[in-house]
Amino acid sequence: MPVTDAQADTPPARRIAHLDMDAFYASVELLRYPELRGLPLVIGGSHAQQPLPLADGGRRFARLRDYAGRGVITTATYEARALGVFSAMGIMKAAKLAPDAILLPVDFPAYRHYSRLFKAAVAQLAPHIEDRGIDEIYIDLSTLTEDSRLLAQRIKDAVRAATGLSCSICIAANKLLAKIGSDLDKPDGLTLLNAEDLT
């Protein structure tokens, strides 16, 4: 069917993705300390919480119950969140909820490194990126013709290949819906959201 002048002048429908890395700081730490996978892990405090090497080659990790001070939690794994521990909570309060949770200090150079890696991987597939922080971006997919679900999966796969980390992504008609949708299916989620889905 021929394309009319009116159709040719019609801009493509907006497709905006919001990509959010899953428990980003904690996930980066789990790459470094894979023995902590599946355990409640909290990021916060100071470098006094650095793991200590043991004679047998293992490591001794600080626990929330050992913490004294006024620090706050930067992030927590999903296992720690299940115990009621969340970002911006005081560490002393968190220690009452999850005393055996492991506590690691923040390592911003490492987080910035992985942030650059995931953003570069996405830019190879979709060049129109709006940076929203160290662990999230908006992506304008409006000019791309690929099926939304396939494109979202390709982006997720590229992020995992570049970083070893999972992310959650939603494609919607605008930023607000995309941001809402990326939080609906975490971790490692893929959501396609229309305005009518929220009515």
Protein backbone atom coordinates (compact mmCIF):
# COMPACT_ATOMS: atom_id res chain seq x y z
CA MET A 1 0.00 0.00 0.00
CA PRO A 2 1.51 3.39 -0.97
CA VAL A 3 2.35 5.88 1.77
CA THR A 4 0.37 9.13 1.52
CA ASP A 5 1.92 12.55 2.13
CA ALA A 6 -0.02 12.81 5.40
CA GLN A 7 1.33 9.46 6.56
CA ALA A 8 4.86 10.39 5.55
CA ASP A 9 4.65 13.56 7.68
CA THR A 10 3.29 11.71 10.73
CA PRO A 11 5.98 11.30 13.37
CA PRO A 12 6.48 7.78 14.70
CA ALA A 13 4.58 6.83 17.83
CA ARG A 14 6.58 7.60 20.94
CA ARG A 15 8.29 4.62 22.55
CA ILE A 16 10.20 5.53 25.67
CA ALA A 17 12.06 2.98 27.77
CA HIS A 18 13.14 3.37 31.36
CA LEU A 19 16.01 1.08 32.33
CA ASP A 20 16.87 0.64 36.00
CA MET A 21 19.74 -1.51 37.18
CA ASP A 22 18.62 -4.00 39.86
CA ALA A 23 19.94 -3.18 43.38
CA PHE A 24 22.89 -1.70 41.52
CA TYR A 25 25.53 -1.10 44.21
CA ALA A 26 24.77 -4.39 45.93
CA SER A 27 24.83 -6.25 42.61
CA VAL A 28 28.27 -4.83 41.78
CA GLU A 29 29.50 -6.01 45.18
CA LEU A 30 28.12 -9.50 44.49
CA LEU A 31 30.31 -9.69 41.39
CA ARG A 32 33.30 -9.08 43.67
CA TYR A 33 32.05 -11.34 46.48
CA PRO A 34 29.99 -14.10 44.81
CA GLU A 35 29.97 -16.11 48.04
CA LEU A 36 27.42 -13.59 49.36
CA ARG A 37 24.76 -14.39 46.75
CA GLY A 38 21.44 -15.24 48.34
CA LEU A 39 22.36 -13.61 51.65
CA PRO A 40 20.99 -10.35 53.07
CA LEU A 41 23.56 -7.70 52.14
CA VAL A 42 23.57 -4.00 52.98
CA ILE A 43 25.77 -1.29 51.46
CA GLY A 44 26.63 1.66 53.71
CA GLY A 45 28.85 2.72 56.55
CA SER A 46 32.56 3.43 56.22
CA HIS A 47 35.68 1.63 55.10
CA ALA A 48 35.92 0.16 58.59
CA GLN A 49 33.47 -2.41 57.22
CA GLN A 50 35.93 -3.72 54.61
CA PRO A 51 36.08 -7.54 54.54
CA LEU A 52 39.09 -8.98 56.36
CA PRO A 53 41.16 -11.73 54.69
CA LEU A 54 41.43 -14.97 56.64
CA ALA A 55 44.37 -17.39 56.80
CA ASP A 56 42.41 -20.04 54.89
CA GLY A 57 41.87 -17.69 51.94
CA GLY A 58 38.32 -16.82 52.94
CA ARG A 59 37.01 -13.47 54.14
CA ARG A 60 35.37 -12.22 57.29
CA PHE A 61 32.51 -9.82 56.60
CA ALA A 62 31.12 -7.23 58.99
CA ARG A 63 27.55 -7.80 60.21
CA LEU A 64 24.93 -5.18 60.93
CA ARG A 65 24.89 -6.18 64.60
CA ASP A 66 28.55 -5.09 64.89
CA TYR A 67 27.91 -1.56 63.60
CA ALA A 68 28.00 1.50 65.84
CA GLY A 69 27.47 4.96 64.39
CA ARG A 70 25.06 7.22 62.57
CA GLY A 71 25.40 5.95 59.01
CA VAL A 72 22.56 5.23 56.62
CA ILE A 73 21.98 2.42 54.16
CA THR A 74 22.77 3.25 50.55
CA THR A 75 21.12 0.12 49.15
CA ALA A 76 20.31 -3.47 50.07
CA THR A 77 19.86 -6.76 48.27
CA TYR A 78 16.37 -8.13 47.77
CA GLU A 79 17.08 -10.65 50.54
CA ALA A 80 17.74 -7.78 52.97
CA ARG A 81 14.70 -5.88 51.74
CA ALA A 82 12.57 -8.91 52.56
CA LEU A 83 13.65 -8.41 56.19
CA GLY A 84 12.43 -4.80 56.16
CA VAL A 85 15.77 -3.12 55.40
CA PHE A 86 15.69 -0.35 52.79
CA SER A 87 17.73 2.51 51.32
CA ALA A 88 18.07 5.66 53.46
CA MET A 89 17.29 3.73 56.66
CA GLY A 90 19.64 4.29 59.58
CA ILE A 91 22.08 1.40 59.91
CA MET A 92 21.42 1.07 63.65
CA LYS A 93 17.68 0.70 62.95
CA ALA A 94 18.42 -1.84 60.22
CA ALA A 95 20.59 -3.79 62.67
CA LYS A 96 17.54 -4.38 64.86
CA LEU A 97 15.62 -5.81 61.89
CA ALA A 98 18.41 -7.89 60.35
CA PRO A 99 21.35 -8.22 62.77
CA ASP A 100 23.01 -10.98 60.73
CA ALA A 101 22.89 -9.08 57.42
CA ILE A 102 26.32 -8.45 55.94
CA LEU A 103 27.52 -4.84 55.77
CA LEU A 104 29.88 -3.56 53.07
CA PRO A 105 31.16 -0.01 52.52
CA VAL A 106 30.27 1.95 49.40
CA ASP A 107 32.75 1.88 46.51
CA PHE A 108 31.76 4.70 44.16
CA PRO A 109 34.66 4.22 41.70
CA ALA A 110 33.48 0.64 41.06
CA TYR A 111 29.85 1.72 40.67
CA ARG A 112 30.81 4.49 38.22
CA HIS A 113 32.83 1.97 36.19
CA TYR A 114 29.86 -0.38 35.83
CA SER A 115 27.57 2.56 35.13
CA ARG A 116 29.73 3.57 32.16
CA LEU A 117 29.76 -0.03 30.92
CA PHE A 118 25.99 -0.50 30.91
CA LYS A 119 25.32 2.89 29.31
CA ALA A 120 27.86 2.23 26.55
CA ALA A 121 26.24 -1.14 25.85
CA VAL A 122 22.80 0.44 25.50
CA ALA A 123 24.16 3.23 23.28
CA GLN A 124 25.29 0.61 20.75
CA LEU A 125 21.64 -0.38 20.23
CA ALA A 126 19.75 2.85 20.87
CA PRO A 127 21.67 6.11 20.57
CA HIS A 128 19.02 8.43 22.11
CA ILE A 129 19.73 8.08 25.83
CA GLU A 130 18.89 10.43 28.68
CA ASP A 131 21.11 9.86 31.69
CA ARG A 132 19.13 9.95 34.95
CA GLY A 133 21.79 8.89 37.41
CA ILE A 134 24.38 6.24 38.07
CA ASP A 135 21.93 3.33 37.71
CA GLU A 136 19.10 4.46 35.43
CA ILE A 137 18.47 5.92 31.99
CA TYR A 138 15.62 6.79 29.66
CA ILE A 139 15.91 5.56 26.07
CA ASP A 140 13.95 7.05 23.16
CA LEU A 141 13.12 4.12 20.87
CA SER A 142 10.60 6.01 18.73
CA THR A 143 12.64 5.91 15.53
CA LEU A 144 13.52 2.22 15.79
CA THR A 145 11.31 -0.27 13.97
CA GLU A 146 12.08 -3.44 15.90
CA ASP A 147 9.35 -5.13 17.97
CA SER A 148 9.27 -3.60 21.46
CA ARG A 149 9.62 -6.86 23.38
CA LEU A 150 12.50 -8.09 21.20
CA LEU A 151 14.26 -4.74 21.44
CA ALA A 152 13.88 -4.60 25.23
CA GLN A 153 15.27 -8.13 25.52
CA ARG A 154 18.23 -7.24 23.29
CA ILE A 155 18.99 -4.24 25.50
CA LYS A 156 18.79 -6.38 28.65
CA ASP A 157 21.05 -9.02 27.08
CA ALA A 158 23.59 -6.36 26.05
CA VAL A 159 23.67 -4.93 29.58
CA ARG A 160 24.21 -8.39 31.08
CA ALA A 161 26.95 -9.23 28.57
CA ALA A 162 28.78 -5.96 29.28
CA THR A 163 28.46 -5.99 33.06
CA GLY A 164 27.31 -9.38 34.36
CA LEU A 165 24.38 -7.53 35.96
CA SER A 166 20.62 -7.62 35.49
CA CYS A 167 18.33 -4.68 34.86
CA SER A 168 14.62 -4.04 34.66
CA ILE A 169 13.15 -2.21 31.68
CA CYS A 170 9.76 -0.89 30.64
CA ILE A 171 8.72 0.49 27.27
CA ALA A 172 5.75 2.86 27.28
CA ALA A 173 4.41 5.94 25.51
CA ASN A 174 6.05 8.42 27.89
CA LYS A 175 8.64 8.73 30.64
CA LEU A 176 6.16 8.60 33.50
CA LEU A 177 4.63 5.31 32.39
CA ALA A 178 8.04 3.85 31.58
CA LYS A 179 9.36 4.77 35.04
CA ILE A 180 6.30 3.25 36.74
CA GLY A 181 6.52 0.12 34.61
CA SER A 182 10.20 -0.58 35.22
CA ASP A 183 9.40 -0.96 38.92
CA LEU A 184 6.51 -3.40 38.41
CA ASP A 185 8.58 -6.48 37.62
CA LYS A 186 11.83 -6.49 39.57
CA PRO A 187 14.41 -7.86 39.50
CA ASP A 188 15.29 -8.67 35.87
CA GLY A 189 11.91 -7.47 34.59
CA LEU A 190 10.64 -6.63 31.12
CA THR A 191 7.37 -4.70 30.95
CA LEU A 192 5.42 -3.20 28.05
CA LEU A 193 2.92 -0.67 29.35
CA ASN A 194 0.06 1.23 27.73
CA ALA A 195 -1.93 4.06 29.30
CA GLU A 196 -5.02 1.84 29.42
CA ASP A 197 -3.09 -0.66 31.56
CA LEU A 198 -3.29 1.85 34.43
CA THR A 199 -7.04 2.51 34.26
